[in-house]
């Protein structure tokens, strides 16, 4: 018995029909910790959270809360012990007020009549505890997702929850909303709550958690302080192999490969003078720090941002890319960095998302959409991309992050691109789903597509690109070619991204700028 453990799990196993979801799990969750669970999809992390919260009953093993044996038969049993779950999907009553959602199940009544004054007083007490600023009378459905997460946290605090299980809580949030939510989690910990944080965002885990448990195939690989882990070490533990094995073998472009995109003297707001060439069959990395201008350059090449000067040639012919429609017409396609905000219509079907930018190719002679032509191409794409489930009528926001990303790829593969700009292609998807995306990028290059790959993860640039351009302060400051072993020099890329003089100052103990 660990005297500091709020939760103790002993030899817990659970199976669903022929699937062994959990195998002999032993784990301590210490009071006051943020304890992260990481692993590929199907590793068992969410199932373990459901056992602790009373949603699932284990086949074998024991669950102890504060040293006392528990056999939950319903989530209400766990709620009575102060255990609450916040899931990936917002679970609130959208047509009800913030006040009623926060105090759902905790309403204050007299003779069957709600005591609004006393409920408002309790709401204000909760707001003071958490530091949130919310209008109690606002309908939850009118709130941004980050504020809806605040409502869920207030609901958990109202229920006097000492343990809050958070299962992929930032998966549906934008970057700025995620930062707000992480601050909320830290404040919860400071006020004495224990957090089980289930996530595939490893950078979040390393920044936020005190302890991390890695799971694979229903087993615990190891539990360690996050200070002893890195993204590399976590990935290798999750996969059971080196990160290098995640990247498929890529074919070198032909020495005389045609230049498919050439940029001469491009100038635009936030960019210096840009010159570059992209060749058929080549994956060109575009590296640099956040704010270096990578996405701005990509969106300018795609016609989404205006350029002030310069010439762009596709297959040797000058083109005017003054809009995204111009770019698509010229065969320049772009996968944006945010599928939620820039890439997908989340409340529309897979079918609509895949075919919408390509109506010209599915419209018949009399201006009517050829459903047969559209359905045939969509079926081919779903099979090629291995979208699960492969149902064109399914609404996109019902898919996992990895499958949403595959649909986003499919949107731009409905027709074969000449140049494909991919901006952060694996952002927000499970580590296990990344291999499929990498294979797709490599296969497109093998088919002769020129690919410009933008990634904040230097490992992706090194693992996929044949060469790398490096941006800094809006300009391309270096071009790094692969060495004799076919690999790019990480140190050379980082020196160019930071500026060699900046790295030298940092190494000498100075302050990096």
Foldseek 3Di string as FASTA:
>chain_A
DDQQFQKWWAQFWAADVPATQAGGETDGFGFLFAEEEEFFVSLNPVVVLCCLQQNDFTPDTFMDGSNHTDGRNHSVVNLVVQEEEAEQDLDFDQQAFLLCRLCPVNFDDDPRHGDVVVSVVVVVVLCVLQVDDDDRRDGLNVDDLLVSVVSVVSSSVNSVHQEYEYAANCLQPDPVSVVVVLVSVVSCSVSGHGYYYYHQPVVSCLVRGQKYWYGESNYTQDIDGSVVDDPQRNLCSNVVHGPLVLFDDFDDDDPCFAFFKWKAQWAAVQAGGATDTFGWLFEAEEEFDVSLCPLVVLCVLQLNGPIDDIFMDGRRHTFDSNHNLSCVVSQEEELDQDCVPPFAPQQFFLLCSQCVVPQVVQQDPVRHGNVVLSVVLLQVLCVLLVQPPSDRRDRNNVGAPLNNLSSSVSSSVSDQGQEYEYAASCPSHHPVSVSSVSVVVSVSSVVTHGYYYYHNDVCCCFSRGQKYFYGGSNYGQDIFGADPVSTTDSVVNVCRNQPVVQVVCVVVVHDHD
